[in-house]
N, C-alpha and C. Protein backbone atom coordinates (compact mmCIF):
# COMPACT_ATOMS: atom_id res chain seq x y z
N MET A 1 -8.80 21.42 -3.16
CA MET A 1 -7.86 20.33 -3.05
C MET A 1 -8.40 19.25 -2.10
N LEU A 2 -9.00 19.66 -0.99
CA LEU A 2 -9.50 18.70 -0.01
C LEU A 2 -10.60 17.82 -0.61
N ALA A 3 -11.50 18.44 -1.38
CA ALA A 3 -12.59 17.66 -2.01
C ALA A 3 -12.01 16.65 -2.99
N ALA A 4 -11.02 17.07 -3.79
CA ALA A 4 -10.38 16.16 -4.75
C ALA A 4 -9.66 15.03 -4.02
N PHE A 5 -8.99 15.37 -2.92
CA PHE A 5 -8.28 14.37 -2.12
C PHE A 5 -9.26 13.33 -1.59
N LEU A 6 -10.35 13.80 -0.97
CA LEU A 6 -11.31 12.88 -0.36
C LEU A 6 -12.03 12.02 -1.40
N LEU A 7 -12.40 12.63 -2.54
CA LEU A 7 -13.07 11.87 -3.59
C LEU A 7 -12.15 10.78 -4.13
N SER A 8 -10.91 11.15 -4.47
CA SER A 8 -10.00 10.15 -5.03
C SER A 8 -9.62 9.10 -4.00
N LEU A 9 -9.46 9.49 -2.75
CA LEU A 9 -9.18 8.52 -1.69
C LEU A 9 -10.31 7.49 -1.62
N GLY A 10 -11.54 7.96 -1.61
CA GLY A 10 -12.68 7.06 -1.52
C GLY A 10 -12.82 6.16 -2.74
N VAL A 11 -12.69 6.74 -3.92
CA VAL A 11 -12.84 5.96 -5.15
C VAL A 11 -11.75 4.89 -5.25
N ILE A 12 -10.52 5.25 -4.98
CA ILE A 12 -9.42 4.30 -5.11
C ILE A 12 -9.46 3.26 -3.99
N PHE A 13 -9.83 3.66 -2.80
CA PHE A 13 -9.99 2.70 -1.71
C PHE A 13 -11.00 1.62 -2.11
N VAL A 14 -12.14 2.05 -2.63
CA VAL A 14 -13.18 1.12 -3.06
C VAL A 14 -12.67 0.26 -4.22
N ALA A 15 -11.98 0.88 -5.17
CA ALA A 15 -11.47 0.13 -6.33
C ALA A 15 -10.47 -0.94 -5.90
N GLU A 16 -9.74 -0.69 -4.86
CA GLU A 16 -8.70 -1.61 -4.42
C GLU A 16 -9.25 -2.80 -3.64
N LEU A 17 -10.45 -2.68 -3.08
CA LEU A 17 -11.02 -3.76 -2.29
C LEU A 17 -11.21 -5.00 -3.17
N GLY A 18 -10.59 -6.09 -2.78
CA GLY A 18 -10.69 -7.33 -3.52
C GLY A 18 -9.86 -7.38 -4.79
N ASP A 19 -9.04 -6.36 -5.01
CA ASP A 19 -8.20 -6.28 -6.21
C ASP A 19 -6.99 -7.21 -6.08
N LYS A 20 -6.40 -7.50 -7.21
CA LYS A 20 -5.22 -8.35 -7.25
C LYS A 20 -4.10 -7.77 -6.40
N SER A 21 -3.99 -6.47 -6.34
CA SER A 21 -2.94 -5.84 -5.54
C SER A 21 -3.07 -6.18 -4.06
N GLN A 22 -4.31 -6.27 -3.57
CA GLN A 22 -4.49 -6.66 -2.17
C GLN A 22 -4.01 -8.10 -1.94
N LEU A 23 -4.24 -8.94 -2.92
CA LEU A 23 -3.76 -10.32 -2.81
C LEU A 23 -2.23 -10.37 -2.81
N ILE A 24 -1.63 -9.52 -3.63
CA ILE A 24 -0.16 -9.44 -3.65
C ILE A 24 0.34 -8.91 -2.31
N ALA A 25 -0.34 -7.91 -1.75
CA ALA A 25 0.05 -7.37 -0.44
C ALA A 25 0.01 -8.46 0.62
N LEU A 26 -1.05 -9.27 0.60
CA LEU A 26 -1.15 -10.38 1.55
C LEU A 26 -0.01 -11.37 1.36
N ALA A 27 0.30 -11.68 0.10
CA ALA A 27 1.37 -12.63 -0.17
C ALA A 27 2.71 -12.09 0.31
N PHE A 28 2.99 -10.82 0.07
CA PHE A 28 4.25 -10.22 0.54
C PHE A 28 4.29 -10.18 2.06
N ALA A 29 3.14 -9.91 2.68
CA ALA A 29 3.10 -9.80 4.15
C ALA A 29 3.37 -11.14 4.82
N THR A 30 3.13 -12.24 4.12
CA THR A 30 3.44 -13.55 4.72
C THR A 30 4.93 -13.83 4.66
N ARG A 31 5.65 -13.13 3.80
CA ARG A 31 7.08 -13.38 3.63
C ARG A 31 7.95 -12.31 4.28
N PHE A 32 7.46 -11.07 4.32
CA PHE A 32 8.24 -9.93 4.81
C PHE A 32 7.48 -9.21 5.92
N PRO A 33 8.18 -8.39 6.71
CA PRO A 33 7.49 -7.53 7.68
C PRO A 33 6.56 -6.54 6.97
N ALA A 34 5.49 -6.16 7.63
CA ALA A 34 4.46 -5.31 7.01
C ALA A 34 4.97 -3.93 6.62
N VAL A 35 5.80 -3.30 7.44
CA VAL A 35 6.22 -1.91 7.16
C VAL A 35 7.02 -1.80 5.86
N PRO A 36 8.04 -2.63 5.61
CA PRO A 36 8.73 -2.53 4.32
C PRO A 36 7.81 -2.81 3.13
N VAL A 37 6.85 -3.71 3.30
CA VAL A 37 5.91 -3.98 2.22
C VAL A 37 5.07 -2.73 1.95
N LEU A 38 4.59 -2.07 3.00
CA LEU A 38 3.81 -0.84 2.82
C LEU A 38 4.63 0.29 2.21
N VAL A 39 5.91 0.37 2.57
CA VAL A 39 6.79 1.38 1.94
C VAL A 39 6.91 1.10 0.45
N GLY A 40 7.10 -0.16 0.09
CA GLY A 40 7.19 -0.53 -1.33
C GLY A 40 5.90 -0.23 -2.07
N ILE A 41 4.77 -0.54 -1.45
CA ILE A 41 3.47 -0.24 -2.05
C ILE A 41 3.33 1.26 -2.27
N THR A 42 3.73 2.04 -1.28
CA THR A 42 3.61 3.50 -1.37
C THR A 42 4.46 4.06 -2.51
N VAL A 43 5.70 3.60 -2.62
CA VAL A 43 6.60 4.07 -3.69
C VAL A 43 6.00 3.76 -5.06
N ALA A 44 5.56 2.51 -5.25
CA ALA A 44 5.00 2.11 -6.54
C ALA A 44 3.70 2.85 -6.84
N THR A 45 2.84 2.96 -5.85
CA THR A 45 1.55 3.61 -6.05
C THR A 45 1.73 5.09 -6.38
N ALA A 46 2.60 5.76 -5.65
CA ALA A 46 2.85 7.19 -5.91
C ALA A 46 3.34 7.39 -7.34
N SER A 47 4.19 6.50 -7.81
CA SER A 47 4.73 6.61 -9.18
C SER A 47 3.65 6.37 -10.23
N VAL A 48 2.91 5.27 -10.07
CA VAL A 48 1.88 4.92 -11.06
C VAL A 48 0.78 5.99 -11.09
N HIS A 49 0.39 6.48 -9.92
CA HIS A 49 -0.71 7.44 -9.90
C HIS A 49 -0.26 8.83 -10.36
N LEU A 50 1.02 9.15 -10.25
CA LEU A 50 1.53 10.39 -10.84
C LEU A 50 1.41 10.32 -12.36
N VAL A 51 1.80 9.20 -12.93
CA VAL A 51 1.65 9.01 -14.38
C VAL A 51 0.17 9.07 -14.75
N SER A 52 -0.68 8.46 -13.94
CA SER A 52 -2.13 8.45 -14.21
C SER A 52 -2.70 9.86 -14.24
N VAL A 53 -2.31 10.68 -13.28
CA VAL A 53 -2.79 12.06 -13.24
C VAL A 53 -2.31 12.82 -14.47
N LEU A 54 -1.07 12.64 -14.85
CA LEU A 54 -0.55 13.32 -16.05
C LEU A 54 -1.29 12.89 -17.31
N VAL A 55 -1.57 11.60 -17.45
CA VAL A 55 -2.34 11.11 -18.60
C VAL A 55 -3.74 11.71 -18.56
N GLY A 56 -4.36 11.77 -17.39
CA GLY A 56 -5.68 12.36 -17.24
C GLY A 56 -5.70 13.82 -17.65
N VAL A 57 -4.67 14.57 -17.29
CA VAL A 57 -4.58 15.99 -17.66
C VAL A 57 -4.53 16.14 -19.18
N VAL A 58 -3.72 15.31 -19.83
CA VAL A 58 -3.60 15.37 -21.29
C VAL A 58 -4.94 15.04 -21.94
N LEU A 59 -5.59 13.99 -21.47
CA LEU A 59 -6.90 13.63 -22.04
C LEU A 59 -7.93 14.71 -21.77
N GLY A 60 -7.89 15.29 -20.56
CA GLY A 60 -8.84 16.35 -20.21
C GLY A 60 -8.69 17.58 -21.08
N ALA A 61 -7.45 17.89 -21.47
CA ALA A 61 -7.21 19.05 -22.32
C ALA A 61 -7.61 18.78 -23.77
N ALA A 62 -7.59 17.52 -24.17
CA ALA A 62 -7.84 17.17 -25.57
C ALA A 62 -9.31 16.92 -25.88
N LEU A 63 -10.12 16.62 -24.88
CA LEU A 63 -11.51 16.26 -25.12
C LEU A 63 -12.47 17.28 -24.51
N PRO A 64 -13.65 17.46 -25.11
CA PRO A 64 -14.65 18.36 -24.53
C PRO A 64 -15.17 17.84 -23.19
N THR A 65 -15.59 18.75 -22.31
CA THR A 65 -16.01 18.40 -20.96
C THR A 65 -17.15 17.39 -20.93
N THR A 66 -18.17 17.58 -21.74
CA THR A 66 -19.31 16.66 -21.74
C THR A 66 -18.85 15.26 -22.15
N ALA A 67 -18.02 15.18 -23.16
CA ALA A 67 -17.50 13.87 -23.60
C ALA A 67 -16.72 13.20 -22.48
N ILE A 68 -15.91 13.97 -21.76
CA ILE A 68 -15.13 13.41 -20.65
C ILE A 68 -16.07 12.86 -19.58
N GLN A 69 -17.14 13.62 -19.26
CA GLN A 69 -18.06 13.17 -18.22
C GLN A 69 -18.80 11.89 -18.63
N VAL A 70 -19.21 11.80 -19.89
CA VAL A 70 -19.90 10.60 -20.36
C VAL A 70 -18.94 9.41 -20.36
N VAL A 71 -17.72 9.62 -20.85
CA VAL A 71 -16.72 8.54 -20.85
C VAL A 71 -16.38 8.14 -19.42
N ALA A 72 -16.26 9.11 -18.52
CA ALA A 72 -15.97 8.81 -17.11
C ALA A 72 -17.11 7.98 -16.51
N ALA A 73 -18.35 8.35 -16.80
CA ALA A 73 -19.49 7.58 -16.29
C ALA A 73 -19.45 6.15 -16.81
N LEU A 74 -19.20 6.00 -18.10
CA LEU A 74 -19.11 4.66 -18.69
C LEU A 74 -17.95 3.87 -18.09
N ALA A 75 -16.84 4.58 -17.82
CA ALA A 75 -15.69 3.91 -17.19
C ALA A 75 -16.06 3.39 -15.81
N PHE A 76 -16.80 4.17 -15.04
CA PHE A 76 -17.21 3.71 -13.71
C PHE A 76 -18.18 2.53 -13.79
N PHE A 77 -19.03 2.51 -14.82
CA PHE A 77 -19.88 1.33 -15.02
C PHE A 77 -19.01 0.11 -15.32
N GLY A 78 -17.98 0.34 -16.13
CA GLY A 78 -17.03 -0.75 -16.44
C GLY A 78 -16.28 -1.20 -15.19
N PHE A 79 -15.89 -0.26 -14.34
CA PHE A 79 -15.20 -0.62 -13.09
C PHE A 79 -16.12 -1.46 -12.21
N ALA A 80 -17.42 -1.14 -12.22
CA ALA A 80 -18.38 -1.93 -11.43
C ALA A 80 -18.41 -3.37 -11.91
N LEU A 81 -18.48 -3.55 -13.22
CA LEU A 81 -18.48 -4.91 -13.78
C LEU A 81 -17.16 -5.62 -13.51
N TRP A 82 -16.05 -4.90 -13.67
CA TRP A 82 -14.72 -5.46 -13.42
C TRP A 82 -14.62 -5.94 -11.97
N THR A 83 -15.15 -5.13 -11.07
CA THR A 83 -15.12 -5.48 -9.64
C THR A 83 -15.94 -6.74 -9.38
N LEU A 84 -17.10 -6.85 -10.01
CA LEU A 84 -17.92 -8.05 -9.82
C LEU A 84 -17.21 -9.30 -10.35
N ARG A 85 -16.48 -9.13 -11.44
CA ARG A 85 -15.73 -10.25 -12.02
C ARG A 85 -14.63 -10.69 -11.07
N GLY A 86 -13.98 -9.73 -10.43
CA GLY A 86 -12.94 -10.02 -9.44
C GLY A 86 -11.58 -10.26 -10.05
N ASP A 87 -10.58 -10.24 -9.20
CA ASP A 87 -9.19 -10.50 -9.58
C ASP A 87 -8.69 -11.68 -8.78
N GLN A 88 -7.76 -12.41 -9.37
CA GLN A 88 -7.12 -13.51 -8.67
C GLN A 88 -5.64 -13.45 -8.94
N LEU A 89 -4.87 -13.89 -7.97
CA LEU A 89 -3.44 -14.00 -8.18
C LEU A 89 -3.17 -15.22 -9.06
N GLU A 90 -2.42 -15.01 -10.10
CA GLU A 90 -2.01 -16.13 -10.95
C GLU A 90 -0.93 -16.91 -10.22
N ASP A 91 -0.79 -18.19 -10.55
CA ASP A 91 0.21 -19.03 -9.90
C ASP A 91 1.61 -18.47 -10.06
N GLU A 92 1.92 -17.94 -11.26
CA GLU A 92 3.28 -17.42 -11.47
C GLU A 92 3.53 -16.16 -10.65
N GLU A 93 2.49 -15.33 -10.42
CA GLU A 93 2.65 -14.15 -9.58
C GLU A 93 2.91 -14.56 -8.13
N LEU A 94 2.20 -15.57 -7.66
CA LEU A 94 2.41 -16.06 -6.31
C LEU A 94 3.79 -16.68 -6.15
N GLU A 95 4.23 -17.43 -7.15
CA GLU A 95 5.57 -18.02 -7.12
C GLU A 95 6.65 -16.95 -7.10
N GLN A 96 6.43 -15.86 -7.85
CA GLN A 96 7.40 -14.77 -7.89
C GLN A 96 7.56 -14.15 -6.51
N VAL A 97 6.45 -13.96 -5.80
CA VAL A 97 6.52 -13.42 -4.44
C VAL A 97 7.26 -14.38 -3.54
N GLU A 98 6.97 -15.68 -3.67
CA GLU A 98 7.57 -16.67 -2.79
C GLU A 98 9.07 -16.85 -3.01
N ARG A 99 9.54 -16.68 -4.24
CA ARG A 99 10.95 -16.97 -4.48
C ARG A 99 11.86 -15.74 -4.45
N THR A 100 11.27 -14.56 -4.30
CA THR A 100 12.11 -13.37 -4.28
C THR A 100 12.90 -13.30 -2.97
N ASN A 101 14.17 -12.99 -3.09
CA ASN A 101 15.02 -12.83 -1.91
C ASN A 101 15.54 -11.40 -1.80
N ARG A 102 15.00 -10.52 -2.64
CA ARG A 102 15.44 -9.14 -2.61
C ARG A 102 14.89 -8.42 -1.39
N ASN A 103 15.39 -7.25 -1.19
CA ASN A 103 14.89 -6.38 -0.15
C ASN A 103 13.38 -6.22 -0.30
N ALA A 104 12.65 -6.27 0.79
CA ALA A 104 11.18 -6.22 0.76
C ALA A 104 10.67 -4.95 0.09
N VAL A 105 11.28 -3.81 0.35
CA VAL A 105 10.82 -2.54 -0.25
C VAL A 105 10.98 -2.59 -1.76
N VAL A 106 12.13 -3.03 -2.23
CA VAL A 106 12.38 -3.09 -3.67
C VAL A 106 11.47 -4.11 -4.33
N ALA A 107 11.36 -5.28 -3.72
CA ALA A 107 10.52 -6.34 -4.29
C ALA A 107 9.06 -5.90 -4.37
N ALA A 108 8.54 -5.31 -3.29
CA ALA A 108 7.15 -4.86 -3.28
C ALA A 108 6.94 -3.72 -4.27
N SER A 109 7.90 -2.80 -4.35
CA SER A 109 7.78 -1.68 -5.29
C SER A 109 7.68 -2.17 -6.73
N ILE A 110 8.55 -3.06 -7.11
CA ILE A 110 8.56 -3.57 -8.49
C ILE A 110 7.27 -4.35 -8.77
N ALA A 111 6.90 -5.24 -7.87
CA ALA A 111 5.71 -6.05 -8.07
C ALA A 111 4.46 -5.18 -8.18
N PHE A 112 4.33 -4.20 -7.30
CA PHE A 112 3.14 -3.35 -7.32
C PHE A 112 3.13 -2.42 -8.52
N PHE A 113 4.27 -1.90 -8.89
CA PHE A 113 4.33 -1.03 -10.06
C PHE A 113 3.84 -1.78 -11.29
N LEU A 114 4.34 -2.98 -11.49
CA LEU A 114 3.94 -3.77 -12.65
C LEU A 114 2.48 -4.21 -12.57
N ALA A 115 2.02 -4.57 -11.37
CA ALA A 115 0.64 -5.01 -11.20
C ALA A 115 -0.36 -3.88 -11.45
N GLU A 116 0.03 -2.66 -11.16
CA GLU A 116 -0.89 -1.53 -11.27
C GLU A 116 -0.99 -0.94 -12.67
N LEU A 117 -0.03 -1.24 -13.53
CA LEU A 117 -0.10 -0.70 -14.89
C LEU A 117 -1.34 -1.24 -15.60
N GLY A 118 -2.23 -0.35 -15.98
CA GLY A 118 -3.46 -0.73 -16.66
C GLY A 118 -4.54 -1.27 -15.75
N ASP A 119 -4.31 -1.25 -14.43
CA ASP A 119 -5.29 -1.76 -13.47
C ASP A 119 -6.42 -0.74 -13.29
N LYS A 120 -7.53 -1.18 -12.69
CA LYS A 120 -8.68 -0.29 -12.55
C LYS A 120 -8.37 0.92 -11.67
N THR A 121 -7.45 0.80 -10.71
CA THR A 121 -7.11 1.96 -9.88
C THR A 121 -6.36 3.01 -10.71
N MET A 122 -5.52 2.55 -11.63
CA MET A 122 -4.82 3.49 -12.52
C MET A 122 -5.84 4.16 -13.44
N LEU A 123 -6.75 3.38 -14.01
CA LEU A 123 -7.75 3.94 -14.91
C LEU A 123 -8.71 4.88 -14.17
N ALA A 124 -9.05 4.54 -12.94
CA ALA A 124 -9.93 5.42 -12.16
C ALA A 124 -9.23 6.75 -11.86
N THR A 125 -7.94 6.70 -11.57
CA THR A 125 -7.19 7.93 -11.32
C THR A 125 -7.11 8.79 -12.58
N ILE A 126 -6.90 8.17 -13.72
CA ILE A 126 -6.90 8.90 -15.00
C ILE A 126 -8.25 9.56 -15.21
N THR A 127 -9.32 8.81 -14.94
CA THR A 127 -10.67 9.33 -15.12
C THR A 127 -10.92 10.54 -14.23
N LEU A 128 -10.53 10.45 -12.97
CA LEU A 128 -10.73 11.57 -12.04
C LEU A 128 -9.91 12.79 -12.48
N ALA A 129 -8.67 12.58 -12.89
CA ALA A 129 -7.80 13.70 -13.28
C ALA A 129 -8.23 14.34 -14.59
N SER A 130 -8.88 13.59 -15.46
CA SER A 130 -9.26 14.15 -16.77
C SER A 130 -10.33 15.22 -16.64
N ARG A 131 -11.00 15.28 -15.50
CA ARG A 131 -12.08 16.24 -15.30
C ARG A 131 -11.61 17.52 -14.59
N GLU A 132 -10.35 17.59 -14.21
CA GLU A 132 -9.86 18.69 -13.38
C GLU A 132 -8.74 19.45 -14.09
N THR A 133 -8.42 20.66 -13.57
CA THR A 133 -7.36 21.44 -14.19
C THR A 133 -6.36 22.02 -13.22
N GLY A 134 -6.77 22.56 -12.11
CA GLY A 134 -5.85 23.27 -11.22
C GLY A 134 -4.80 22.37 -10.59
N PHE A 135 -3.61 22.94 -10.38
CA PHE A 135 -2.49 22.17 -9.82
C PHE A 135 -2.85 21.54 -8.49
N TRP A 136 -3.45 22.31 -7.57
CA TRP A 136 -3.73 21.79 -6.24
C TRP A 136 -4.83 20.73 -6.26
N THR A 137 -5.78 20.88 -7.17
CA THR A 137 -6.81 19.86 -7.31
C THR A 137 -6.19 18.57 -7.82
N LEU A 138 -5.33 18.68 -8.82
CA LEU A 138 -4.66 17.49 -9.37
C LEU A 138 -3.72 16.88 -8.34
N PHE A 139 -3.07 17.72 -7.55
CA PHE A 139 -2.23 17.21 -6.46
C PHE A 139 -3.08 16.44 -5.46
N GLY A 140 -4.27 16.98 -5.15
CA GLY A 140 -5.19 16.30 -4.25
C GLY A 140 -5.63 14.94 -4.79
N ILE A 141 -5.87 14.87 -6.10
CA ILE A 141 -6.24 13.58 -6.72
C ILE A 141 -5.09 12.59 -6.60
N TRP A 142 -3.88 13.04 -6.92
CA TRP A 142 -2.70 12.15 -6.82
C TRP A 142 -2.50 11.68 -5.38
N LEU A 143 -2.54 12.61 -4.45
CA LEU A 143 -2.32 12.26 -3.05
C LEU A 143 -3.44 11.35 -2.53
N GLY A 144 -4.68 11.69 -2.83
CA GLY A 144 -5.82 10.89 -2.38
C GLY A 144 -5.80 9.49 -2.96
N SER A 145 -5.47 9.37 -4.24
CA SER A 145 -5.45 8.04 -4.87
C SER A 145 -4.32 7.20 -4.29
N THR A 146 -3.19 7.82 -4.01
CA THR A 146 -2.06 7.10 -3.41
C THR A 146 -2.42 6.64 -2.00
N VAL A 147 -2.94 7.55 -1.20
CA VAL A 147 -3.31 7.21 0.19
C VAL A 147 -4.42 6.16 0.21
N GLY A 148 -5.41 6.30 -0.67
CA GLY A 148 -6.51 5.34 -0.72
C GLY A 148 -6.03 3.92 -1.00
N MET A 149 -5.08 3.80 -1.91
CA MET A 149 -4.57 2.47 -2.24
C MET A 149 -3.71 1.91 -1.12
N VAL A 150 -2.87 2.75 -0.54
CA VAL A 150 -2.01 2.29 0.56
C VAL A 150 -2.86 1.87 1.76
N VAL A 151 -3.90 2.63 2.06
CA VAL A 151 -4.77 2.29 3.19
C VAL A 151 -5.49 0.96 2.91
N ALA A 152 -6.01 0.78 1.70
CA ALA A 152 -6.71 -0.47 1.36
C ALA A 152 -5.77 -1.67 1.44
N ASP A 153 -4.55 -1.51 0.92
CA ASP A 153 -3.59 -2.61 0.97
C ASP A 153 -3.08 -2.83 2.40
N GLY A 154 -2.94 -1.75 3.16
CA GLY A 154 -2.57 -1.89 4.57
C GLY A 154 -3.64 -2.64 5.35
N LEU A 155 -4.90 -2.35 5.02
CA LEU A 155 -6.01 -3.07 5.64
C LEU A 155 -5.93 -4.56 5.32
N ALA A 156 -5.62 -4.89 4.08
CA ALA A 156 -5.49 -6.31 3.69
C ALA A 156 -4.38 -6.98 4.46
N ILE A 157 -3.26 -6.29 4.62
CA ILE A 157 -2.14 -6.85 5.38
C ILE A 157 -2.55 -7.04 6.83
N TRP A 158 -3.19 -6.05 7.41
CA TRP A 158 -3.61 -6.13 8.82
C TRP A 158 -4.60 -7.28 9.03
N VAL A 159 -5.60 -7.34 8.16
CA VAL A 159 -6.60 -8.40 8.29
C VAL A 159 -5.93 -9.76 8.16
N GLY A 160 -5.03 -9.88 7.20
CA GLY A 160 -4.33 -11.16 7.00
C GLY A 160 -3.45 -11.54 8.16
N LYS A 161 -2.74 -10.57 8.74
CA LYS A 161 -1.82 -10.87 9.83
C LYS A 161 -2.53 -11.02 11.18
N VAL A 162 -3.44 -10.10 11.48
CA VAL A 162 -4.07 -10.10 12.80
C VAL A 162 -5.21 -11.11 12.90
N LEU A 163 -6.09 -11.09 11.94
CA LEU A 163 -7.26 -11.94 12.03
C LEU A 163 -7.04 -13.31 11.42
N GLY A 164 -6.10 -13.39 10.48
CA GLY A 164 -5.84 -14.66 9.83
C GLY A 164 -6.98 -15.12 8.94
N THR A 165 -7.92 -14.23 8.64
CA THR A 165 -9.04 -14.58 7.77
C THR A 165 -9.19 -13.52 6.71
N ARG A 166 -10.06 -13.80 5.76
CA ARG A 166 -10.32 -12.84 4.69
C ARG A 166 -11.64 -12.14 4.95
N LEU A 167 -11.72 -10.93 4.43
CA LEU A 167 -13.03 -10.27 4.44
C LEU A 167 -13.96 -11.09 3.55
N PRO A 168 -15.26 -11.08 3.81
CA PRO A 168 -16.16 -11.84 2.95
C PRO A 168 -16.09 -11.30 1.52
N GLU A 169 -15.48 -12.07 0.65
CA GLU A 169 -15.18 -11.61 -0.70
C GLU A 169 -16.42 -11.17 -1.47
N LYS A 170 -17.48 -11.92 -1.36
CA LYS A 170 -18.69 -11.60 -2.11
C LYS A 170 -19.28 -10.25 -1.66
N ALA A 171 -19.32 -10.01 -0.37
CA ALA A 171 -19.87 -8.74 0.14
C ALA A 171 -19.01 -7.56 -0.28
N VAL A 172 -17.68 -7.72 -0.22
CA VAL A 172 -16.77 -6.65 -0.64
C VAL A 172 -16.96 -6.35 -2.12
N LYS A 173 -17.03 -7.40 -2.93
CA LYS A 173 -17.19 -7.24 -4.38
C LYS A 173 -18.49 -6.51 -4.71
N HIS A 174 -19.59 -6.95 -4.12
CA HIS A 174 -20.88 -6.34 -4.43
C HIS A 174 -20.97 -4.90 -3.92
N GLY A 175 -20.43 -4.65 -2.75
CA GLY A 175 -20.44 -3.28 -2.22
C GLY A 175 -19.61 -2.34 -3.07
N ALA A 176 -18.42 -2.77 -3.46
CA ALA A 176 -17.56 -1.93 -4.31
C ALA A 176 -18.19 -1.72 -5.68
N ALA A 177 -18.77 -2.77 -6.26
CA ALA A 177 -19.43 -2.64 -7.56
C ALA A 177 -20.59 -1.65 -7.49
N PHE A 178 -21.37 -1.72 -6.41
CA PHE A 178 -22.49 -0.79 -6.24
C PHE A 178 -21.99 0.66 -6.18
N LEU A 179 -20.90 0.89 -5.42
CA LEU A 179 -20.37 2.25 -5.32
C LEU A 179 -19.87 2.76 -6.67
N PHE A 180 -19.20 1.90 -7.45
CA PHE A 180 -18.76 2.31 -8.79
C PHE A 180 -19.96 2.65 -9.67
N PHE A 181 -20.99 1.82 -9.60
CA PHE A 181 -22.19 2.07 -10.39
C PHE A 181 -22.81 3.41 -9.99
N LEU A 182 -22.87 3.67 -8.69
CA LEU A 182 -23.42 4.93 -8.19
C LEU A 182 -22.60 6.13 -8.69
N PHE A 183 -21.25 6.03 -8.64
CA PHE A 183 -20.40 7.10 -9.17
C PHE A 183 -20.69 7.31 -10.66
N GLY A 184 -20.86 6.22 -11.40
CA GLY A 184 -21.16 6.32 -12.82
C GLY A 184 -22.48 7.03 -13.08
N VAL A 185 -23.51 6.69 -12.31
CA VAL A 185 -24.82 7.33 -12.46
C VAL A 185 -24.71 8.83 -12.17
N LEU A 186 -24.02 9.17 -11.08
CA LEU A 186 -23.86 10.58 -10.74
C LEU A 186 -23.13 11.36 -11.83
N LEU A 187 -22.08 10.78 -12.39
CA LEU A 187 -21.34 11.44 -13.47
C LEU A 187 -22.21 11.59 -14.71
N LEU A 188 -22.99 10.57 -15.03
CA LEU A 188 -23.86 10.62 -16.21
C LEU A 188 -24.95 11.68 -16.04
N VAL A 189 -25.53 11.76 -14.86
CA VAL A 189 -26.55 12.78 -14.57
C VAL A 189 -25.94 14.18 -14.72
N GLU A 190 -24.70 14.33 -14.20
CA GLU A 190 -24.03 15.63 -14.31
C GLU A 190 -23.74 15.98 -15.77
N ALA A 191 -23.34 14.99 -16.56
CA ALA A 191 -23.01 15.25 -17.97
C ALA A 191 -24.24 15.58 -18.80
N LEU A 192 -25.33 14.91 -18.54
CA LEU A 192 -26.53 15.08 -19.36
C LEU A 192 -27.50 16.10 -18.79
N GLY A 193 -27.24 16.54 -17.54
CA GLY A 193 -28.17 17.45 -16.86
C GLY A 193 -28.00 18.85 -17.15
């Protein structure tokens, strides 16, 4: 369980760097106190990643192990390219954050839940879960992916509030893309080795 927790925490933390969700976290943090925003992020992330783990389990049971490993490797190559392309907040998403008057926890939960559907962190969690079977290992993946995303978004809020500046976007993008590429290579070597 610990290995699954640490792996998913690391993968999702990296996937979240420079992601649209971090931009949404920053936008919410300018309007609401950080703690309710983080609670909302946690609720949404825990829900989305639970669904992701369940989808991964179904796919893992339906496909042969070698096929899963090759698809997972290709997915990580895709995540690397996606990371290099980057995410941006659309004007309407920013306006939605600015005009919401709801409770910060509810507003952040809804916004993050919708933003994460089909996002690379959801797909990465599905990929990780599709390779595993045991309850505790899958629990570790769910917990690690949730914590990894909350920590990455918490970091974005902290950097935005305390430093008032952004991390160097290009360096974050290239570093995260390299790590995804490396994960893909390792999975491919394992599948074909």
